[in-house]
């Protein structure tokens, strides 16, 4: 599903990634761990097409993504990639259903089709009774599940998660971790998760360890 070759990233003279090679299989759950400053989030943003590498090659589902122009890359991202961040980034003025529908509306999917899918996802995630609640009316765990539903709405091939349980208490973190594996069984997506949570890292099919801008294991 993902092949990254010799990925380098520099900010001015500071080299963050120093030639990273990564291969991730279809429907695999991979965790990325390492100390702060190791380059984990930088790698995740490049694999997720949110930032371009200084040099290197990235193939996602057979597409050489960094040969696409910005408009085509944005369209590819919207339809093929979902994101879950530590901070859920829900839009406060919209309710749960509207927040989940947003990527589908951007992709010009019909309003009826996307709302039906959003309701199904929120029901699957245990939020059937919370569709019309705004983020401020939801608990932290509920907000993060809305963010997960939003990440899934366009049936992406890959979900990238950056410290997804970092803002949750231990009970909600455990539920979120189990949810990723339930989703993989249900929807067959590939998950790439940057985390400091040891339990989540060990649950993954495979753990990549980063140090000083390189994958060392």
N, C-alpha and C. Protein backbone atom coordinates (compact mmCIF):
# COMPACT_ATOMS: atom_id res chain seq x y z
N UNK A 1 0.82 -1.21 0.00
CA UNK A 1 0.00 0.00 0.00
C UNK A 1 0.86 1.26 0.00
N UNK A 2 1.95 1.27 0.80
CA UNK A 2 2.83 2.43 0.88
C UNK A 2 4.27 1.99 0.68
N UNK A 3 4.96 2.65 -0.22
CA UNK A 3 6.40 2.44 -0.40
C UNK A 3 7.07 3.81 -0.39
N UNK A 4 7.89 4.06 0.64
CA UNK A 4 8.66 5.30 0.73
C UNK A 4 10.13 4.96 0.57
N UNK A 5 10.79 5.68 -0.33
CA UNK A 5 12.19 5.38 -0.63
C UNK A 5 13.06 6.61 -0.40
N UNK A 6 14.05 6.46 0.48
CA UNK A 6 15.10 7.46 0.69
C UNK A 6 14.52 8.86 0.93
N UNK A 7 13.58 8.92 1.89
CA UNK A 7 12.91 10.19 2.20
C UNK A 7 13.82 11.08 3.05
N UNK A 8 14.11 12.25 2.52
CA UNK A 8 14.87 13.28 3.26
C UNK A 8 13.96 14.49 3.46
N UNK A 9 14.12 15.15 4.60
CA UNK A 9 13.42 16.41 4.83
C UNK A 9 14.32 17.36 5.60
N UNK A 10 14.53 18.53 4.99
CA UNK A 10 15.35 19.56 5.62
C UNK A 10 14.52 20.83 5.79
N UNK A 11 14.70 21.51 6.91
CA UNK A 11 14.17 22.85 7.12
C UNK A 11 15.38 23.76 7.25
N UNK A 12 15.62 24.57 6.22
CA UNK A 12 16.87 25.34 6.13
C UNK A 12 18.05 24.37 6.24
N UNK A 13 18.89 24.52 7.24
CA UNK A 13 20.04 23.62 7.38
C UNK A 13 19.76 22.44 8.30
N UNK A 14 18.57 22.41 8.92
CA UNK A 14 18.25 21.35 9.87
C UNK A 14 17.67 20.15 9.14
N UNK A 15 18.36 19.02 9.20
CA UNK A 15 17.89 17.80 8.53
C UNK A 15 17.09 16.96 9.51
N UNK A 16 15.80 16.82 9.25
CA UNK A 16 14.91 16.07 10.15
C UNK A 16 14.87 14.60 9.78
N UNK A 17 14.68 14.30 8.49
CA UNK A 17 14.68 12.92 8.01
C UNK A 17 15.90 12.71 7.13
N UNK A 18 16.60 11.59 7.33
CA UNK A 18 17.93 11.42 6.75
C UNK A 18 18.03 10.21 5.82
N UNK A 19 16.95 9.95 5.10
CA UNK A 19 16.96 8.83 4.16
C UNK A 19 16.15 7.65 4.68
N UNK A 20 14.85 7.88 4.88
CA UNK A 20 13.96 6.86 5.47
C UNK A 20 13.38 5.98 4.36
N UNK A 21 13.45 4.68 4.57
CA UNK A 21 12.80 3.69 3.69
C UNK A 21 11.73 2.97 4.50
N UNK A 22 10.50 2.93 3.97
CA UNK A 22 9.40 2.29 4.68
C UNK A 22 8.52 1.58 3.66
N UNK A 23 8.09 0.36 3.98
CA UNK A 23 7.06 -0.33 3.20
C UNK A 23 5.96 -0.79 4.15
N UNK A 24 4.72 -0.50 3.80
CA UNK A 24 3.58 -0.86 4.65
C UNK A 24 2.57 -1.57 3.78
N UNK A 25 2.12 -2.72 4.23
CA UNK A 25 1.24 -3.57 3.44
C UNK A 25 -0.23 -3.15 3.56
N UNK A 26 -1.02 -3.59 2.61
CA UNK A 26 -2.46 -3.34 2.65
C UNK A 26 -3.08 -3.96 3.90
N UNK A 27 -3.95 -3.21 4.58
CA UNK A 27 -4.67 -3.65 5.79
C UNK A 27 -3.75 -3.94 6.98
N UNK A 28 -2.53 -3.43 6.94
CA UNK A 28 -1.61 -3.60 8.05
C UNK A 28 -1.77 -2.43 9.02
N UNK A 29 -1.62 -2.70 10.32
CA UNK A 29 -1.57 -1.65 11.33
C UNK A 29 -0.13 -1.54 11.81
N UNK A 30 0.47 -0.38 11.55
CA UNK A 30 1.88 -0.16 11.88
C UNK A 30 1.98 1.01 12.85
N UNK A 31 2.72 0.82 13.94
CA UNK A 31 2.98 1.92 14.86
C UNK A 31 4.38 2.46 14.62
N UNK A 32 4.55 3.75 14.83
CA UNK A 32 5.85 4.42 14.73
C UNK A 32 6.16 5.03 16.08
N UNK A 33 7.27 4.62 16.68
CA UNK A 33 7.63 5.09 18.01
C UNK A 33 9.05 5.67 17.98
N UNK A 34 9.39 6.34 19.06
CA UNK A 34 10.72 6.95 19.19
C UNK A 34 10.63 8.17 20.07
N UNK A 35 11.74 8.66 20.54
CA UNK A 35 11.75 9.80 21.43
C UNK A 35 11.33 11.06 20.69
N UNK A 36 10.96 12.10 21.45
CA UNK A 36 10.61 13.38 20.84
C UNK A 36 11.79 13.89 20.02
N UNK A 37 11.49 14.40 18.82
CA UNK A 37 12.55 14.90 17.95
C UNK A 37 13.15 13.86 17.03
N UNK A 38 12.63 12.62 17.10
CA UNK A 38 13.19 11.55 16.25
C UNK A 38 12.76 11.69 14.79
N UNK A 39 11.68 12.46 14.54
CA UNK A 39 11.21 12.64 13.17
C UNK A 39 9.90 11.94 12.87
N UNK A 40 9.22 11.43 13.91
CA UNK A 40 8.00 10.62 13.70
C UNK A 40 6.89 11.42 13.01
N UNK A 41 6.57 12.58 13.57
CA UNK A 41 5.47 13.37 13.01
C UNK A 41 5.82 13.90 11.63
N UNK A 42 7.08 14.29 11.43
CA UNK A 42 7.51 14.75 10.10
C UNK A 42 7.33 13.63 9.07
N UNK A 43 7.71 12.42 9.45
CA UNK A 43 7.53 11.28 8.54
C UNK A 43 6.04 11.05 8.27
N UNK A 44 5.22 11.13 9.30
CA UNK A 44 3.79 10.90 9.13
C UNK A 44 3.17 11.93 8.19
N UNK A 45 3.55 13.21 8.34
CA UNK A 45 2.98 14.24 7.47
C UNK A 45 3.42 14.06 6.02
N UNK A 46 4.62 13.54 5.81
CA UNK A 46 5.09 13.28 4.44
C UNK A 46 4.39 12.05 3.86
N UNK A 47 4.30 10.97 4.64
CA UNK A 47 3.58 9.78 4.17
C UNK A 47 2.11 10.11 3.90
N UNK A 48 1.55 11.04 4.68
CA UNK A 48 0.15 11.42 4.51
C UNK A 48 -0.07 12.51 3.47
N UNK A 49 0.99 12.92 2.77
CA UNK A 49 0.97 13.90 1.68
C UNK A 49 0.63 15.32 2.15
N UNK A 50 0.75 15.58 3.46
CA UNK A 50 0.51 16.93 3.96
C UNK A 50 1.73 17.84 3.77
N UNK A 51 2.88 17.23 3.57
CA UNK A 51 4.12 17.99 3.36
C UNK A 51 4.97 17.22 2.36
N UNK A 52 5.66 17.95 1.51
CA UNK A 52 6.51 17.29 0.51
C UNK A 52 7.92 17.08 1.06
N UNK A 53 8.55 15.95 0.74
CA UNK A 53 9.92 15.73 1.19
C UNK A 53 10.89 16.62 0.41
N UNK A 54 12.06 16.85 0.98
CA UNK A 54 13.11 17.55 0.25
C UNK A 54 13.58 16.70 -0.93
N UNK A 55 13.67 15.39 -0.69
CA UNK A 55 13.95 14.44 -1.77
C UNK A 55 13.43 13.07 -1.36
N UNK A 56 13.30 12.20 -2.32
CA UNK A 56 12.78 10.86 -2.06
C UNK A 56 11.52 10.58 -2.85
N UNK A 57 11.02 9.38 -2.73
CA UNK A 57 9.89 8.91 -3.55
C UNK A 57 8.84 8.29 -2.64
N UNK A 58 7.56 8.58 -2.93
CA UNK A 58 6.47 8.00 -2.15
C UNK A 58 5.41 7.46 -3.10
N UNK A 59 5.17 6.15 -3.00
CA UNK A 59 4.14 5.48 -3.80
C UNK A 59 3.03 5.03 -2.85
N UNK A 60 1.79 5.46 -3.12
CA UNK A 60 0.64 5.02 -2.33
C UNK A 60 -0.34 4.36 -3.28
N UNK A 61 -0.60 3.08 -3.05
CA UNK A 61 -1.52 2.31 -3.89
C UNK A 61 -1.17 2.43 -5.37
N UNK A 62 0.14 2.39 -5.65
CA UNK A 62 0.61 2.42 -7.03
C UNK A 62 0.76 3.80 -7.65
N UNK A 63 0.41 4.85 -6.91
CA UNK A 63 0.50 6.22 -7.44
C UNK A 63 1.74 6.91 -6.86
N UNK A 64 2.55 7.47 -7.75
CA UNK A 64 3.72 8.25 -7.34
C UNK A 64 3.21 9.64 -6.95
N UNK A 65 2.86 9.81 -5.67
CA UNK A 65 2.01 10.94 -5.27
C UNK A 65 2.70 12.29 -5.41
N UNK A 66 4.02 12.35 -5.21
CA UNK A 66 4.67 13.65 -5.26
C UNK A 66 5.03 14.09 -6.69
N UNK A 67 4.58 13.31 -7.68
CA UNK A 67 4.63 13.77 -9.07
C UNK A 67 3.32 14.45 -9.46
N UNK A 68 2.33 14.42 -8.56
CA UNK A 68 1.06 15.11 -8.80
C UNK A 68 1.21 16.59 -8.48
N UNK A 69 0.49 17.44 -9.22
CA UNK A 69 0.50 18.86 -8.84
C UNK A 69 -0.37 19.04 -7.58
N UNK A 70 -0.34 20.24 -7.01
CA UNK A 70 -0.99 20.46 -5.71
C UNK A 70 -2.49 20.16 -5.76
N UNK A 71 -3.15 20.54 -6.85
CA UNK A 71 -4.60 20.33 -6.96
C UNK A 71 -4.92 18.84 -7.04
N UNK A 72 -4.19 18.11 -7.87
CA UNK A 72 -4.43 16.67 -7.99
C UNK A 72 -4.05 15.93 -6.71
N UNK A 73 -3.00 16.41 -6.05
CA UNK A 73 -2.58 15.79 -4.78
C UNK A 73 -3.65 15.99 -3.71
N UNK A 74 -4.24 17.17 -3.65
CA UNK A 74 -5.30 17.44 -2.68
C UNK A 74 -6.51 16.55 -2.94
N UNK A 75 -6.85 16.35 -4.20
CA UNK A 75 -7.98 15.48 -4.55
C UNK A 75 -7.66 14.03 -4.19
N UNK A 76 -6.44 13.59 -4.46
CA UNK A 76 -6.02 12.24 -4.10
C UNK A 76 -6.10 12.04 -2.58
N UNK A 77 -5.62 13.03 -1.84
CA UNK A 77 -5.63 12.95 -0.37
C UNK A 77 -7.05 12.84 0.16
N UNK A 78 -7.94 13.66 -0.38
CA UNK A 78 -9.32 13.70 0.11
C UNK A 78 -10.02 12.36 -0.07
N UNK A 79 -9.71 11.65 -1.15
CA UNK A 79 -10.42 10.41 -1.45
C UNK A 79 -9.71 9.16 -0.93
N UNK A 80 -8.42 9.25 -0.64
CA UNK A 80 -7.66 8.04 -0.32
C UNK A 80 -7.05 8.00 1.09
N UNK A 81 -7.03 9.15 1.77
CA UNK A 81 -6.32 9.23 3.03
C UNK A 81 -7.22 9.87 4.09
N UNK A 82 -7.21 9.28 5.30
CA UNK A 82 -7.91 9.85 6.45
C UNK A 82 -6.92 10.17 7.54
N UNK A 83 -7.25 11.18 8.36
CA UNK A 83 -6.35 11.61 9.43
C UNK A 83 -7.07 11.65 10.77
N UNK A 84 -6.37 11.19 11.81
CA UNK A 84 -6.84 11.36 13.19
C UNK A 84 -5.67 11.94 13.98
N UNK A 85 -5.91 13.11 14.59
CA UNK A 85 -4.84 13.79 15.32
C UNK A 85 -5.10 13.74 16.82
N UNK A 86 -4.09 14.12 17.60
CA UNK A 86 -4.25 14.18 19.06
C UNK A 86 -5.38 15.15 19.42
N UNK A 87 -5.38 16.30 18.77
CA UNK A 87 -6.46 17.26 18.96
C UNK A 87 -7.41 17.08 17.79
N UNK A 88 -8.66 16.80 18.10
CA UNK A 88 -9.61 16.30 17.10
C UNK A 88 -9.88 17.27 15.96
N UNK A 89 -9.65 18.58 16.17
CA UNK A 89 -9.85 19.58 15.11
C UNK A 89 -11.26 19.54 14.53
N UNK A 90 -12.26 19.31 15.38
CA UNK A 90 -13.65 19.42 14.91
C UNK A 90 -14.01 20.90 14.79
N UNK A 91 -14.89 21.21 13.85
CA UNK A 91 -15.34 22.59 13.66
C UNK A 91 -16.43 22.89 14.68
N UNK A 92 -16.20 23.84 15.60
CA UNK A 92 -17.09 24.02 16.75
C UNK A 92 -18.51 24.45 16.40
N UNK A 93 -18.67 25.12 15.25
CA UNK A 93 -20.00 25.63 14.90
C UNK A 93 -20.88 24.58 14.23
N UNK A 94 -20.30 23.41 13.91
CA UNK A 94 -21.04 22.34 13.25
C UNK A 94 -21.28 21.18 14.21
N UNK A 95 -22.40 20.47 14.03
CA UNK A 95 -22.67 19.32 14.90
C UNK A 95 -21.87 18.10 14.43
N UNK A 96 -22.01 17.00 15.18
CA UNK A 96 -21.21 15.80 14.89
C UNK A 96 -21.45 15.31 13.47
N UNK A 97 -22.72 15.24 13.06
CA UNK A 97 -23.05 14.74 11.72
C UNK A 97 -22.41 15.63 10.64
N UNK A 98 -22.51 16.94 10.81
CA UNK A 98 -21.95 17.87 9.81
C UNK A 98 -20.43 17.77 9.76
N UNK A 99 -19.79 17.64 10.92
CA UNK A 99 -18.33 17.49 10.95
C UNK A 99 -17.89 16.25 10.18
N UNK A 100 -18.62 15.17 10.36
CA UNK A 100 -18.27 13.91 9.68
C UNK A 100 -18.50 14.03 8.18
N UNK A 101 -19.54 14.74 7.78
CA UNK A 101 -19.89 14.88 6.35
C UNK A 101 -18.91 15.76 5.57
N UNK A 102 -18.16 16.61 6.27
CA UNK A 102 -17.36 17.66 5.62
C UNK A 102 -16.47 17.14 4.47
N UNK A 103 -15.65 16.08 4.68
CA UNK A 103 -14.80 15.61 3.57
C UNK A 103 -15.61 15.11 2.38
N UNK A 104 -16.78 14.54 2.65
CA UNK A 104 -17.65 14.08 1.56
C UNK A 104 -18.22 15.23 0.76
N UNK A 105 -18.59 16.31 1.46
CA UNK A 105 -19.08 17.49 0.75
C UNK A 105 -17.97 18.09 -0.12
N UNK A 106 -16.75 18.13 0.43
CA UNK A 106 -15.61 18.66 -0.34
C UNK A 106 -15.39 17.83 -1.61
N UNK A 107 -15.63 16.50 -1.49
CA UNK A 107 -15.46 15.60 -2.63
C UNK A 107 -16.66 15.60 -3.58
N UNK A 108 -17.66 16.47 -3.29
CA UNK A 108 -18.86 16.61 -4.13
C UNK A 108 -19.69 15.33 -4.21
N UNK A 109 -19.65 14.53 -3.13
CA UNK A 109 -20.54 13.37 -3.05
C UNK A 109 -21.93 13.88 -2.68
N UNK A 110 -22.97 13.24 -3.18
CA UNK A 110 -24.33 13.75 -2.97
C UNK A 110 -24.65 13.84 -1.47
N UNK A 111 -25.41 14.89 -1.13
CA UNK A 111 -25.74 15.17 0.28
C UNK A 111 -26.42 13.96 0.93
N UNK A 112 -27.36 13.36 0.23
CA UNK A 112 -28.09 12.22 0.78
C UNK A 112 -27.17 11.04 1.03
N UNK A 113 -26.32 10.74 0.05
CA UNK A 113 -25.41 9.60 0.16
C UNK A 113 -24.43 9.79 1.33
N UNK A 114 -23.87 11.00 1.44
CA UNK A 114 -22.85 11.21 2.46
C UNK A 114 -23.48 11.25 3.85
N UNK A 115 -24.68 11.79 3.98
CA UNK A 115 -25.34 11.82 5.30
C UNK A 115 -25.72 10.41 5.74
N UNK A 116 -26.17 9.58 4.80
CA UNK A 116 -26.49 8.19 5.14
C UNK A 116 -25.24 7.47 5.64
N UNK A 117 -24.12 7.64 4.94
CA UNK A 117 -22.86 7.00 5.34
C UNK A 117 -22.40 7.52 6.70
N UNK A 118 -22.52 8.84 6.91
CA UNK A 118 -22.08 9.43 8.18
C UNK A 118 -22.90 8.89 9.35
N UNK A 119 -24.20 8.74 9.16
CA UNK A 119 -25.06 8.20 10.22
C UNK A 119 -24.70 6.75 10.53
N UNK A 120 -24.39 5.99 9.47
CA UNK A 120 -23.98 4.59 9.68
C UNK A 120 -22.68 4.51 10.48
N UNK A 121 -21.72 5.37 10.14
CA UNK A 121 -20.44 5.36 10.84
C UNK A 121 -20.60 5.78 12.30
N UNK A 122 -21.37 6.84 12.53
CA UNK A 122 -21.56 7.31 13.90
C UNK A 122 -22.32 6.29 14.73
N UNK A 123 -23.25 5.58 14.11
CA UNK A 123 -23.95 4.48 14.78
C UNK A 123 -22.97 3.37 15.13
N UNK A 124 -22.12 3.00 14.17
CA UNK A 124 -21.09 1.96 14.39
C UNK A 124 -20.18 2.35 15.55
N UNK A 125 -19.90 3.65 15.69
CA UNK A 125 -18.99 4.13 16.72
C UNK A 125 -19.70 4.46 18.04
N UNK A 126 -20.98 4.09 18.13
CA UNK A 126 -21.71 4.28 19.38
C UNK A 126 -22.20 5.69 19.62
N UNK A 127 -22.38 6.47 18.54
CA UNK A 127 -22.77 7.87 18.70
C UNK A 127 -24.12 8.18 18.05
N UNK A 128 -24.94 7.17 17.93
CA UNK A 128 -26.24 7.33 17.26
C UNK A 128 -27.09 8.43 17.88
N UNK A 129 -26.99 8.58 19.20
CA UNK A 129 -27.82 9.56 19.90
C UNK A 129 -27.16 10.94 19.97
N UNK A 130 -25.99 11.10 19.35
CA UNK A 130 -25.23 12.35 19.51
C UNK A 130 -25.05 13.09 18.19
N UNK A 131 -25.81 12.70 17.17
CA UNK A 131 -25.60 13.24 15.81
C UNK A 131 -25.69 14.76 15.76
N UNK A 132 -26.62 15.34 16.52
CA UNK A 132 -26.88 16.77 16.41
C UNK A 132 -26.20 17.58 17.50
N UNK A 133 -25.33 16.94 18.27
CA UNK A 133 -24.59 17.64 19.32
C UNK A 133 -23.35 18.30 18.73
N UNK A 134 -23.07 19.51 19.17
CA UNK A 134 -21.85 20.20 18.77
C UNK A 134 -20.68 19.70 19.61
N UNK A 135 -19.43 19.90 19.14
CA UNK A 135 -18.27 19.38 19.87
C UNK A 135 -18.24 19.75 21.35
N UNK A 136 -18.67 20.98 21.68
CA UNK A 136 -18.65 21.42 23.08
C UNK A 136 -19.61 20.62 23.96
N UNK A 137 -20.55 19.92 23.33
CA UNK A 137 -21.53 19.12 24.07
C UNK A 137 -21.14 17.65 24.15
N UNK A 138 -19.95 17.31 23.63
CA UNK A 138 -19.48 15.93 23.61
C UNK A 138 -18.28 15.76 24.55
N UNK A 139 -18.13 14.56 25.09
CA UNK A 139 -16.95 14.27 25.91
C UNK A 139 -15.72 14.16 25.02
N UNK A 140 -14.53 14.14 25.63
CA UNK A 140 -13.30 14.00 24.86
C UNK A 140 -13.28 12.73 24.03
N UNK A 141 -13.73 11.62 24.62
CA UNK A 141 -13.76 10.37 23.88
C UNK A 141 -14.74 10.40 22.73
N UNK A 142 -15.89 11.04 22.95
CA UNK A 142 -16.88 11.15 21.88
C UNK A 142 -16.36 12.04 20.74
N UNK A 143 -15.71 13.14 21.10
CA UNK A 143 -15.15 14.01 20.07
C UNK A 143 -14.12 13.26 19.22
N UNK A 144 -13.30 12.44 19.85
CA UNK A 144 -12.29 11.72 19.08
C UNK A 144 -12.93 10.67 18.18
N UNK A 145 -14.03 10.07 18.63
CA UNK A 145 -14.73 9.11 17.77
C UNK A 145 -15.40 9.81 16.58
N UNK A 146 -15.88 11.02 16.79
CA UNK A 146 -16.40 11.81 15.66
C UNK A 146 -15.27 12.06 14.66
N UNK A 147 -14.09 12.38 15.18
CA UNK A 147 -12.93 12.61 14.30
C UNK A 147 -12.57 11.35 13.53
N UNK A 148 -12.69 10.19 14.17
CA UNK A 148 -12.43 8.91 13.48
C UNK A 148 -13.46 8.70 12.37
N UNK A 149 -14.73 8.97 12.66
CA UNK A 149 -15.78 8.83 11.64
C UNK A 149 -15.50 9.75 10.46
N UNK A 150 -15.07 10.98 10.76
CA UNK A 150 -14.73 11.93 9.69
C UNK A 150 -13.57 11.39 8.83
N UNK A 151 -12.60 10.77 9.48
CA UNK A 151 -11.46 10.20 8.75
C UNK A 151 -11.89 9.07 7.83
N UNK A 152 -12.98 8.39 8.17
CA UNK A 152 -13.41 7.21 7.42
C UNK A 152 -14.45 7.50 6.34
N UNK A 153 -15.01 8.71 6.32
CA UNK A 153 -16.22 8.97 5.54
C UNK A 153 -16.06 8.72 4.05
N UNK A 154 -14.87 8.98 3.49
CA UNK A 154 -14.68 8.78 2.05
C UNK A 154 -14.06 7.43 1.71
N UNK A 155 -14.17 6.48 2.64
CA UNK A 155 -13.60 5.14 2.44
C UNK A 155 -12.12 5.19 2.05
N UNK A 156 -11.30 5.91 2.83
CA UNK A 156 -9.89 6.02 2.46
C UNK A 156 -9.17 4.69 2.54
N UNK A 157 -8.11 4.56 1.77
CA UNK A 157 -7.33 3.33 1.80
C UNK A 157 -6.40 3.29 3.02
N UNK A 158 -5.99 4.49 3.48
CA UNK A 158 -5.03 4.58 4.58
C UNK A 158 -5.51 5.59 5.61
N UNK A 159 -5.38 5.24 6.89
CA UNK A 159 -5.63 6.18 7.99
C UNK A 159 -4.30 6.48 8.67
N UNK A 160 -3.96 7.77 8.77
CA UNK A 160 -2.78 8.19 9.51
C UNK A 160 -3.24 8.81 10.83
N UNK A 161 -2.65 8.36 11.92
CA UNK A 161 -3.03 8.86 13.24
C UNK A 161 -1.79 9.34 13.98
N UNK A 162 -1.85 10.57 14.49
CA UNK A 162 -0.71 11.16 15.21
C UNK A 162 -1.11 11.35 16.67
N UNK A 163 -0.56 10.52 17.55
CA UNK A 163 -0.87 10.54 18.98
C UNK A 163 -2.40 10.57 19.20
N UNK A 164 -3.14 9.64 18.60
CA UNK A 164 -4.61 9.74 18.62
C UNK A 164 -5.23 9.66 20.01
N UNK A 165 -4.54 8.99 20.95
CA UNK A 165 -5.10 8.86 22.29
C UNK A 165 -4.37 9.75 23.30
N UNK A 166 -3.51 10.65 22.81
CA UNK A 166 -2.70 11.47 23.70
C UNK A 166 -3.50 12.39 24.60
N UNK A 167 -4.72 12.72 24.19
CA UNK A 167 -5.54 13.65 24.97
C UNK A 167 -6.64 12.95 25.76
N UNK A 168 -6.62 11.61 25.76
CA UNK A 168 -7.70 10.84 26.37
C UNK A 168 -7.27 10.20 27.67
N UNK A 169 -8.25 9.98 28.57
CA UNK A 169 -7.94 9.22 29.79
C UNK A 169 -7.75 7.75 29.42
N UNK A 170 -7.28 6.95 30.37
CA UNK A 170 -6.88 5.58 30.06
C UNK A 170 -8.05 4.74 29.52
N UNK A 171 -9.26 4.94 30.05
CA UNK A 171 -10.42 4.16 29.60
C UNK A 171 -10.75 4.49 28.14
N UNK A 172 -10.84 5.79 27.83
CA UNK A 172 -11.16 6.19 26.46
C UNK A 172 -10.03 5.84 25.50
N UNK A 173 -8.78 5.91 25.98
CA UNK A 173 -7.64 5.54 25.13
C UNK A 173 -7.73 4.07 24.75
N UNK A 174 -8.04 3.23 25.74
CA UNK A 174 -8.14 1.78 25.49
C UNK A 174 -9.25 1.50 24.47
N UNK A 175 -10.39 2.18 24.63
CA UNK A 175 -11.51 1.99 23.70
C UNK A 175 -11.13 2.42 22.28
N UNK A 176 -10.39 3.54 22.18
CA UNK A 176 -9.98 4.01 20.86
C UNK A 176 -9.02 3.03 20.20
N UNK A 177 -8.10 2.49 20.99
CA UNK A 177 -7.14 1.52 20.44
C UNK A 177 -7.86 0.28 19.91
N UNK A 178 -8.82 -0.22 20.69
CA UNK A 178 -9.59 -1.39 20.23
C UNK A 178 -10.38 -1.05 18.97
N UNK A 179 -10.85 0.19 18.91
CA UNK A 179 -11.65 0.63 17.77
C UNK A 179 -10.86 0.54 16.47
N UNK A 180 -9.59 0.92 16.50
CA UNK A 180 -8.77 0.84 15.28
C UNK A 180 -8.75 -0.58 14.72
N UNK A 181 -8.65 -1.56 15.60
CA UNK A 181 -8.58 -2.94 15.15
C UNK A 181 -9.95 -3.43 14.67
N UNK A 182 -11.02 -2.97 15.32
CA UNK A 182 -12.37 -3.30 14.83
C UNK A 182 -12.60 -2.72 13.45
N UNK A 183 -12.13 -1.49 13.25
CA UNK A 183 -12.30 -0.83 11.94
C UNK A 183 -11.51 -1.56 10.86
N UNK A 184 -10.32 -1.99 11.21
CA UNK A 184 -9.52 -2.74 10.23
C UNK A 184 -10.24 -4.01 9.81
N UNK A 185 -10.84 -4.71 10.78
CA UNK A 185 -11.59 -5.93 10.45
C UNK A 185 -12.80 -5.60 9.58
N UNK A 186 -13.46 -4.47 9.88
CA UNK A 186 -14.70 -4.11 9.17
C UNK A 186 -14.43 -3.54 7.78
N UNK A 187 -13.44 -2.64 7.69
CA UNK A 187 -13.26 -1.86 6.45
C UNK A 187 -11.95 -2.17 5.72
N UNK A 188 -11.07 -2.98 6.33
CA UNK A 188 -9.82 -3.45 5.68
C UNK A 188 -8.84 -2.33 5.38
N UNK A 189 -8.92 -1.22 6.15
CA UNK A 189 -7.99 -0.13 5.89
C UNK A 189 -6.60 -0.40 6.46
N UNK A 190 -5.64 0.34 5.95
CA UNK A 190 -4.28 0.35 6.48
C UNK A 190 -4.18 1.49 7.49
N UNK A 191 -3.54 1.23 8.64
CA UNK A 191 -3.38 2.25 9.68
C UNK A 191 -1.90 2.47 9.96
N UNK A 192 -1.50 3.74 9.99
CA UNK A 192 -0.14 4.11 10.38
C UNK A 192 -0.28 5.06 11.57
N UNK A 193 0.26 4.66 12.72
CA UNK A 193 -0.03 5.38 13.97
C UNK A 193 1.27 5.79 14.66
N UNK A 194 1.46 7.09 14.81
CA UNK A 194 2.55 7.61 15.65
C UNK A 194 2.04 7.68 17.08
N UNK A 195 2.75 7.09 18.01
CA UNK A 195 2.26 7.08 19.38
C UNK A 195 3.39 6.95 20.40
N UNK A 196 3.16 7.55 21.57
CA UNK A 196 4.02 7.32 22.73
C UNK A 196 3.38 6.28 23.66
N UNK A 197 2.16 5.84 23.30
CA UNK A 197 1.44 4.89 24.15
C UNK A 197 1.99 3.48 23.90
N UNK A 198 2.65 2.94 24.90
CA UNK A 198 3.33 1.64 24.75
C UNK A 198 2.34 0.54 24.41
N UNK A 199 1.18 0.56 25.06
CA UNK A 199 0.18 -0.49 24.82
C UNK A 199 -0.28 -0.49 23.36
N UNK A 200 -0.58 0.70 22.83
CA UNK A 200 -1.02 0.79 21.44
C UNK A 200 0.10 0.37 20.49
N UNK A 201 1.31 0.81 20.78
CA UNK A 201 2.45 0.47 19.91
C UNK A 201 2.64 -1.04 19.82
N UNK A 202 2.48 -1.71 20.95
CA UNK A 202 2.69 -3.17 20.99
C UNK A 202 1.54 -3.94 20.37
N UNK A 203 0.34 -3.34 20.33
CA UNK A 203 -0.82 -4.01 19.73
C UNK A 203 -0.70 -4.10 18.21
N UNK A 204 0.06 -3.19 17.61
CA UNK A 204 0.15 -3.10 16.15
C UNK A 204 0.74 -4.38 15.56
N UNK A 205 0.46 -4.60 14.29
CA UNK A 205 1.05 -5.75 13.58
C UNK A 205 2.56 -5.64 13.54
N UNK A 206 3.04 -4.39 13.46
CA UNK A 206 4.47 -4.15 13.33
C UNK A 206 4.80 -2.80 13.95
N UNK A 207 5.96 -2.70 14.57
CA UNK A 207 6.38 -1.45 15.22
C UNK A 207 7.67 -0.97 14.56
N UNK A 208 7.65 0.27 14.08
CA UNK A 208 8.85 0.90 13.53
C UNK A 208 9.42 1.84 14.59
N UNK A 209 10.71 1.74 14.84
CA UNK A 209 11.38 2.58 15.83
C UNK A 209 12.23 3.61 15.11
N UNK A 210 12.01 4.89 15.45
CA UNK A 210 12.79 5.96 14.82
C UNK A 210 13.78 6.56 15.82
N UNK A 211 14.93 6.95 15.30
CA UNK A 211 15.95 7.63 16.09
C UNK A 211 16.75 8.53 15.16
N UNK A 212 16.86 9.81 15.54
CA UNK A 212 17.69 10.76 14.80
C UNK A 212 17.38 10.78 13.30
N UNK A 213 16.07 10.77 12.96
CA UNK A 213 15.69 10.93 11.57
C UNK A 213 15.77 9.70 10.71
N UNK A 214 15.95 8.53 11.35
CA UNK A 214 16.02 7.28 10.61
C UNK A 214 15.15 6.22 11.27
N UNK A 215 14.63 5.27 10.48
CA UNK A 215 14.00 4.08 11.03
C UNK A 215 15.10 3.09 11.33
N UNK A 216 15.28 2.77 12.63
CA UNK A 216 16.40 1.91 13.01
C UNK A 216 15.98 0.46 13.22
N UNK A 217 14.66 0.21 13.26
CA UNK A 217 14.19 -1.17 13.49
C UNK A 217 12.77 -1.32 12.99
